[in-house]
C-alpha atoms as a PDB file:
ATOM      1  CA  MET A   1       0.000   0.000   0.000  1.00  0.00           C
ATOM      2  CA  PHE A   2       1.288   3.444  -0.946  1.00  0.00           C
ATOM      3  CA  TYR A   3       0.210   6.842   0.305  1.00  0.00           C
ATOM      4  CA  VAL A   4      -0.255   9.354  -2.478  1.00  0.00           C
ATOM      5  CA  GLN A   5      -0.885  13.022  -3.058  1.00  0.00           C
ATOM      6  CA  ARG A   6      -2.437  14.366  -6.255  1.00  0.00           C
ATOM      7  CA  ASP A   7      -2.346  17.754  -7.955  1.00  0.00           C
ATOM      8  CA  ALA A   8      -5.417  19.751  -9.051  1.00  0.00           C
ATOM      9  CA  GLN A   9      -5.628  17.695 -12.272  1.00  0.00           C
ATOM     10  CA  GLY A  10      -5.613  14.420 -10.329  1.00  0.00           C
ATOM     11  CA  LEU A  11      -2.071  13.435 -11.274  1.00  0.00           C
ATOM     12  CA  LEU A  12       0.250  11.891  -8.708  1.00  0.00           C
ATOM     13  CA  ILE A  13       2.766  14.352  -7.339  1.00  0.00           C
ATOM     14  CA  ARG A  14       4.067  12.357  -4.380  1.00  0.00           C
ATOM     15  CA  VAL A  15       4.142   8.659  -3.511  1.00  0.00           C
ATOM     16  CA  GLU A  16       5.449   7.284  -0.222  1.00  0.00           C
ATOM     17  CA  ALA A  17       5.436   3.892   1.462  1.00  0.00           C
ATOM     18  CA  ALA A  18       4.755   5.523   4.846  1.00  0.00           C
ATOM     19  CA  ALA A  19       1.875   7.796   5.750  1.00  0.00           C
ATOM     20  CA  TYR A  20       2.462  11.547   5.577  1.00  0.00           C
ATOM     21  CA  ALA A  21       0.288  14.557   6.361  1.00  0.00           C
ATOM     22  CA  GLU A  22      -0.375  15.648   2.779  1.00  0.00           C
ATOM     23  CA  ALA A  23      -1.421  12.178   1.575  1.00  0.00           C
ATOM     24  CA  THR A  24      -4.937  12.239   0.166  1.00  0.00           C
ATOM     25  CA  GLU A  25      -5.434   8.531  -0.490  1.00  0.00           C
ATOM     26  CA  THR A  26      -3.787   5.141  -0.672  1.00  0.00           C
ATOM     27  CA  LEU A  27      -3.195   2.914  -3.664  1.00  0.00           C
ATOM     28  CA  PRO A  28      -2.194  -0.751  -3.846  1.00  0.00           C
ATOM     29  CA  ALA A  29       1.279  -1.631  -5.105  1.00  0.00           C
ATOM     30  CA  ASP A  30      -0.171  -3.265  -8.209  1.00  0.00           C
ATOM     31  CA  SER A  31      -2.052  -0.111  -9.224  1.00  0.00           C
ATOM     32  CA  HIS A  32      -1.150   0.969 -12.754  1.00  0.00           C
ATOM     33  CA  GLU A  33      -0.568   4.516 -11.439  1.00  0.00           C
ATOM     34  CA  ILE A  34       1.927   3.293  -8.834  1.00  0.00           C
ATOM     35  CA  GLN A  35       3.689   1.089 -11.379  1.00  0.00           C
ATOM     36  CA  ALA A  36       3.928   4.019 -13.834  1.00  0.00           C
ATOM     37  CA  TRP A  37       5.199   6.333 -11.067  1.00  0.00           C
ATOM     38  CA  PHE A  38       8.066   4.009 -10.207  1.00  0.00           C
ATOM     39  CA  ALA A  39       8.813   3.244 -13.869  1.00  0.00           C
ATOM     40  CA  ASN A  40       9.200   6.988 -14.464  1.00  0.00           C
ATOM     41  CA  GLU A  41      11.435   7.231 -11.410  1.00  0.00           C
ATOM     42  CA  VAL A  42      13.697   4.470 -12.772  1.00  0.00           C
ATOM     43  CA  VAL A  43      13.882   6.236 -16.147  1.00  0.00           C
ATOM     44  CA  GLU A  44      14.733   9.561 -14.482  1.00  0.00           C
ATOM     45  CA  THR A  45      17.468   7.927 -12.405  1.00  0.00           C
ATOM     46  CA  SER A  46      18.919   6.256 -15.492  1.00  0.00           C
ATOM     47  CA  LEU A  47      18.863   9.538 -17.418  1.00  0.00           C
ATOM     48  CA  LYS A  48      20.647  11.318 -14.555  1.00  0.00           C
ATOM     49  CA  GLN A  49      23.321   8.599 -14.487  1.00  0.00           C
ATOM     50  CA  LEU A  50      23.742   8.843 -18.254  1.00  0.00           C
ATOM     51  CA  LYS A  51      24.033  12.629 -18.086  1.00  0.00           C
ATOM     52  CA  GLN A  52      26.729  12.361 -15.402  1.00  0.00           C
ATOM     53  CA  SER A  53      28.527   9.779 -17.505  1.00  0.00           C
ATOM     54  CA  ASP A  54      28.359  12.157 -20.487  1.00  0.00           C
ATOM     55  CA  PHE A  55      30.020  14.889 -18.436  1.00  0.00           C
ATOM     56  CA  GLU A  56      32.770  12.499 -17.406  1.00  0.00           C
ATOM     57  CA  MET A  57      33.295  11.264 -20.976  1.00  0.00           C
ATOM     58  CA  ILE A  58      33.525  14.833 -22.250  1.00  0.00           C
ATOM     59  CA  ARG A  59      36.415  15.347 -19.850  1.00  0.00           C
ATOM     60  CA  VAL A  60      38.077  12.126 -21.019  1.00  0.00           C
ATOM     61  CA  LEU A  61      37.721  13.104 -24.682  1.00  0.00           C
ATOM     62  CA  ASP A  62      39.007  16.588 -23.951  1.00  0.00           C
ATOM     63  CA  ASP A  63      42.078  15.118 -22.246  1.00  0.00           C
ATOM     64  CA  LEU A  64      42.571  12.590 -25.060  1.00  0.00           C
ATOM     65  CA  ILE A  65      42.512  15.309 -27.714  1.00  0.00           C
ATOM     66  CA  GLN A  66      45.017  17.327 -25.669  1.00  0.00           C
ATOM     67  CA  VAL A  67      47.382  14.350 -25.415  1.00  0.00           C
ATOM     68  CA  LEU A  68      47.071  13.483 -29.105  1.00  0.00           C
ATOM     69  CA  THR A  69      47.770  17.063 -30.164  1.00  0.00           C
ATOM     70  CA  GLN A  70      50.701  17.392 -27.762  1.00  0.00           C
ATOM     71  CA  LYS A  71      52.236  14.178 -29.155  1.00  0.00           C
ATOM     72  CA  GLY A  72      51.687  15.377 -32.724  1.00  0.00           C
ATOM     73  CA  VAL A  73      49.319  12.544 -33.632  1.00  0.00           C
ATOM     74  CA  ILE A  74      46.639  15.013 -34.718  1.00  0.00           C
ATOM     75  CA  ARG A  75      46.454  18.747 -35.154  1.00  0.00           C
ATOM     76  CA  VAL A  76      43.542  20.839 -33.960  1.00  0.00           C
ATOM     77  CA  THR A  77      43.234  22.059 -37.555  1.00  0.00           C
ATOM     78  CA  ASP A  78      42.454  18.455 -38.614  1.00  0.00           C
ATOM     79  CA  LEU A  79      39.101  18.884 -36.884  1.00  0.00           C
ATOM     80  CA  PRO A  80      36.057  20.681 -38.311  1.00  0.00           C
ATOM     81  CA  PRO A  81      35.900  24.434 -37.584  1.00  0.00           C
ATOM     82  CA  ALA A  82      33.020  24.032 -35.100  1.00  0.00           C
ATOM     83  CA  ALA A  83      35.006  21.434 -33.126  1.00  0.00           C
ATOM     84  CA  GLN A  84      38.080  23.682 -33.196  1.00  0.00           C
ATOM     85  CA  ALA A  85      36.072  26.569 -31.738  1.00  0.00           C
ATOM     86  CA  LYS A  86      34.624  24.394 -28.972  1.00  0.00           C
ATOM     87  CA  LEU A  87      38.035  23.014 -28.078  1.00  0.00           C
ATOM     88  CA  MET A  88      39.517  26.505 -28.005  1.00  0.00           C
ATOM     89  CA  ASP A  89      36.743  27.687 -25.678  1.00  0.00           C
ATOM     90  CA  ARG A  90      37.280  24.697 -23.359  1.00  0.00           C
ATOM     91  CA  THR A  91      41.046  25.131 -23.413  1.00  0.00           C
ATOM     92  CA  GLN A  92      40.759  28.790 -22.461  1.00  0.00           C
ATOM     93  CA  ALA A  93      38.268  28.001 -19.691  1.00  0.00           C
ATOM     94  CA  ARG A  94      40.452  25.228 -18.279  1.00  0.00           C
ATOM     95  CA  GLU A  95      43.570  27.399 -18.390  1.00  0.00           C
ATOM     96  CA  ALA A  96      41.686  30.108 -16.527  1.00  0.00           C
ATOM     97  CA  LEU A  97      40.962  27.497 -13.841  1.00  0.00           C
ATOM     98  CA  GLY A  98      44.533  26.260 -13.560  1.00  0.00           C
ATOM     99  CA  GLY A  99      45.127  24.113 -16.622  1.00  0.00           C
ATOM    100  CA  LEU A 100      45.288  20.351 -16.583  1.00  0.00           C
ATOM    101  CA  SER A 101      46.767  19.916 -13.118  1.00  0.00           C
ATOM    102  CA  GLN A 102      44.899  17.907 -10.509  1.00  0.00           C
ATOM    103  CA  LEU A 103      42.838  15.952 -13.063  1.00  0.00           C
ATOM    104  CA  ILE A 104      44.001  12.630 -11.646  1.00  0.00           C
ATOM    105  CA  ASP A 105      44.473  12.049  -7.947  1.00  0.00           C
ATOM    106  CA  ASP A 106      47.974  11.049  -6.978  1.00  0.00           C
ATOM    107  CA  GLU A 107      46.541   7.805  -5.599  1.00  0.00           C
ATOM    108  CA  GLU A 108      44.777   6.828  -8.847  1.00  0.00           C
ATOM    109  CA  THR A 109      46.532   4.280 -11.025  1.00  0.00           C
ATOM    110  CA  GLY A 110      46.332   3.759 -14.749  1.00  0.00           C
ATOM    111  CA  LEU A 111      44.925   6.082 -17.334  1.00  0.00           C
ATOM    112  CA  ILE A 112      42.848   3.887 -19.609  1.00  0.00           C
END
């Protein structure tokens, strides 16, 4: 049994396993509304994890491009103009924040 609160249109806005003051009714666990609520919650959690992973991968790709250009494997000019502009903006922002230092903790091992 779940305690729920609805908005003015009758849509669920809060679902809890324990009673709370604003709860307006209860619904069984097998209710399609409860199942949809938790399915949406799982999707939202997965999307948040994916977004965080995207941020982390952007940093990895940024570092990889820096290493490849420093080693002469590629040149920034090999990339499309839009990519060059984005990399330049990121490079300037990172340099303003102290460059590439402190990206990997001293206690971390391995790069890839």
